[in-house]
Amino acid sequence: METTEAILEAMKKAGEPMSAGQVADATGIDRKEIDKALARLKKSEEIVSPKRCYWQPQ
């Protein structure tokens, strides 16, 4: 599974906005990889930030 897919799945499963650290804990993926994937997801508008440093699927 690709990193971005794992992140989106974890966010959907949580059902609430998540920080990058929470995503890293939930997926077991390295925090640096999470940050890169979140940047790609933000650019493609697949995630939005309802409050500072928290993300959720669009």
N, C-alpha and C. Protein backbone atom coordinates (compact mmCIF):
# COMPACT_ATOMS: atom_id res chain seq x y z
N MET A 1 0.84 -1.18 0.00
CA MET A 1 0.00 0.00 0.00
C MET A 1 0.88 1.24 0.00
N GLU A 2 0.52 2.20 -0.80
CA GLU A 2 1.27 3.43 -0.90
C GLU A 2 1.07 4.26 0.38
N THR A 3 2.04 5.08 0.70
CA THR A 3 2.00 5.90 1.91
C THR A 3 0.76 6.77 1.96
N THR A 4 0.44 7.44 0.84
CA THR A 4 -0.72 8.33 0.85
C THR A 4 -2.01 7.57 1.08
N GLU A 5 -2.10 6.38 0.52
CA GLU A 5 -3.31 5.56 0.71
C GLU A 5 -3.44 5.14 2.17
N ALA A 6 -2.32 4.78 2.79
CA ALA A 6 -2.33 4.37 4.20
C ALA A 6 -2.75 5.54 5.09
N ILE A 7 -2.28 6.73 4.75
CA ILE A 7 -2.62 7.92 5.53
C ILE A 7 -4.11 8.22 5.41
N LEU A 8 -4.63 8.21 4.20
CA LEU A 8 -6.06 8.48 4.01
C LEU A 8 -6.92 7.44 4.72
N GLU A 9 -6.51 6.19 4.66
CA GLU A 9 -7.27 5.13 5.33
C GLU A 9 -7.27 5.34 6.85
N ALA A 10 -6.12 5.69 7.42
CA ALA A 10 -6.02 5.93 8.86
C ALA A 10 -6.89 7.12 9.27
N MET A 11 -6.90 8.17 8.45
CA MET A 11 -7.71 9.36 8.76
C MET A 11 -9.20 9.03 8.71
N LYS A 12 -9.60 8.27 7.70
CA LYS A 12 -11.01 7.89 7.59
C LYS A 12 -11.43 7.01 8.75
N LYS A 13 -10.54 6.11 9.16
CA LYS A 13 -10.83 5.21 10.27
C LYS A 13 -10.96 5.98 11.58
N ALA A 14 -10.14 7.02 11.76
CA ALA A 14 -10.16 7.81 12.99
C ALA A 14 -11.46 8.62 13.09
N GLY A 15 -11.94 9.13 11.98
CA GLY A 15 -13.18 9.89 11.97
C GLY A 15 -13.07 11.29 12.55
N GLU A 16 -11.84 11.75 12.77
CA GLU A 16 -11.63 13.11 13.27
C GLU A 16 -10.29 13.62 12.74
N PRO A 17 -10.09 14.94 12.76
CA PRO A 17 -8.82 15.48 12.27
C PRO A 17 -7.64 14.90 13.07
N MET A 18 -6.54 14.65 12.36
CA MET A 18 -5.36 14.06 12.98
C MET A 18 -4.12 14.90 12.71
N SER A 19 -3.21 14.92 13.69
CA SER A 19 -1.92 15.58 13.48
C SER A 19 -0.99 14.60 12.79
N ALA A 20 0.13 15.09 12.30
CA ALA A 20 1.10 14.22 11.62
C ALA A 20 1.62 13.15 12.58
N GLY A 21 1.82 13.50 13.83
CA GLY A 21 2.28 12.54 14.83
C GLY A 21 1.27 11.44 15.07
N GLN A 22 0.00 11.80 15.12
CA GLN A 22 -1.04 10.80 15.30
C GLN A 22 -1.11 9.86 14.10
N VAL A 23 -0.95 10.42 12.91
CA VAL A 23 -0.95 9.60 11.69
C VAL A 23 0.24 8.64 11.73
N ALA A 24 1.40 9.12 12.14
CA ALA A 24 2.59 8.28 12.22
C ALA A 24 2.37 7.13 13.21
N ASP A 25 1.77 7.43 14.35
CA ASP A 25 1.50 6.39 15.35
C ASP A 25 0.49 5.36 14.82
N ALA A 26 -0.53 5.84 14.12
CA ALA A 26 -1.59 4.96 13.63
C ALA A 26 -1.12 4.06 12.49
N THR A 27 -0.20 4.56 11.66
CA THR A 27 0.22 3.80 10.48
C THR A 27 1.55 3.08 10.67
N GLY A 28 2.37 3.55 11.60
CA GLY A 28 3.69 2.96 11.79
C GLY A 28 4.70 3.43 10.75
N ILE A 29 4.35 4.46 10.00
CA ILE A 29 5.23 5.01 8.97
C ILE A 29 6.08 6.12 9.60
N ASP A 30 7.32 6.25 9.14
CA ASP A 30 8.24 7.27 9.64
C ASP A 30 7.66 8.67 9.49
N ARG A 31 7.88 9.51 10.47
CA ARG A 31 7.31 10.86 10.50
C ARG A 31 7.74 11.70 9.29
N LYS A 32 8.98 11.55 8.84
CA LYS A 32 9.45 12.31 7.68
C LYS A 32 8.66 11.93 6.43
N GLU A 33 8.38 10.64 6.28
CA GLU A 33 7.58 10.18 5.14
C GLU A 33 6.15 10.70 5.24
N ILE A 34 5.62 10.75 6.46
CA ILE A 34 4.27 11.28 6.68
C ILE A 34 4.21 12.74 6.23
N ASP A 35 5.20 13.53 6.64
CA ASP A 35 5.23 14.95 6.27
C ASP A 35 5.26 15.14 4.76
N LYS A 36 6.06 14.34 4.06
CA LYS A 36 6.14 14.44 2.59
C LYS A 36 4.81 14.05 1.96
N ALA A 37 4.20 12.98 2.45
CA ALA A 37 2.93 12.51 1.90
C ALA A 37 1.81 13.52 2.17
N LEU A 38 1.80 14.12 3.36
CA LEU A 38 0.78 15.13 3.67
C LEU A 38 0.92 16.33 2.73
N ALA A 39 2.14 16.71 2.41
CA ALA A 39 2.35 17.82 1.47
C ALA A 39 1.79 17.48 0.10
N ARG A 40 2.01 16.22 -0.35
CA ARG A 40 1.46 15.81 -1.65
C ARG A 40 -0.06 15.78 -1.62
N LEU A 41 -0.63 15.28 -0.53
CA LEU A 41 -2.09 15.21 -0.40
C LEU A 41 -2.71 16.61 -0.34
N LYS A 42 -2.02 17.52 0.33
CA LYS A 42 -2.51 18.90 0.42
C LYS A 42 -2.50 19.55 -0.96
N LYS A 43 -1.42 19.33 -1.70
CA LYS A 43 -1.29 19.92 -3.03
C LYS A 43 -2.36 19.39 -3.98
N SER A 44 -2.70 18.12 -3.86
CA SER A 44 -3.72 17.52 -4.72
C SER A 44 -5.14 17.73 -4.16
N GLU A 45 -5.23 18.46 -3.05
CA GLU A 45 -6.50 18.82 -2.40
C GLU A 45 -7.30 17.60 -1.94
N GLU A 46 -6.62 16.53 -1.53
CA GLU A 46 -7.29 15.35 -1.00
C GLU A 46 -7.51 15.46 0.51
N ILE A 47 -6.75 16.36 1.16
CA ILE A 47 -6.95 16.60 2.59
C ILE A 47 -7.11 18.10 2.83
N VAL A 48 -7.76 18.44 3.93
CA VAL A 48 -7.94 19.83 4.32
C VAL A 48 -7.57 19.96 5.79
N SER A 49 -7.29 21.19 6.21
CA SER A 49 -6.92 21.45 7.59
C SER A 49 -8.02 22.27 8.27
N PRO A 50 -8.83 21.63 9.13
CA PRO A 50 -9.88 22.36 9.83
C PRO A 50 -9.33 23.26 10.93
N LYS A 51 -8.15 22.90 11.46
CA LYS A 51 -7.46 23.73 12.44
C LYS A 51 -5.97 23.50 12.29
N ARG A 52 -5.19 24.40 12.79
CA ARG A 52 -3.75 24.37 12.59
C ARG A 52 -3.12 23.03 12.98
N CYS A 53 -2.33 22.49 12.08
CA CYS A 53 -1.56 21.26 12.25
C CYS A 53 -2.41 19.99 12.35
N TYR A 54 -3.65 20.05 12.00
CA TYR A 54 -4.52 18.87 11.97
C TYR A 54 -5.09 18.73 10.57
N TRP A 55 -5.24 17.48 10.14
CA TRP A 55 -5.70 17.20 8.77
C TRP A 55 -6.83 16.19 8.77
N GLN A 56 -7.67 16.30 7.75
CA GLN A 56 -8.74 15.32 7.55
C GLN A 56 -9.00 15.18 6.05
N PRO A 57 -9.56 14.06 5.63
CA PRO A 57 -9.86 13.87 4.20
C PRO A 57 -10.86 14.91 3.71
N GLN A 58 -10.75 15.27 2.46
CA GLN A 58 -11.65 16.26 1.84
C GLN A 58 -13.06 15.75 1.82
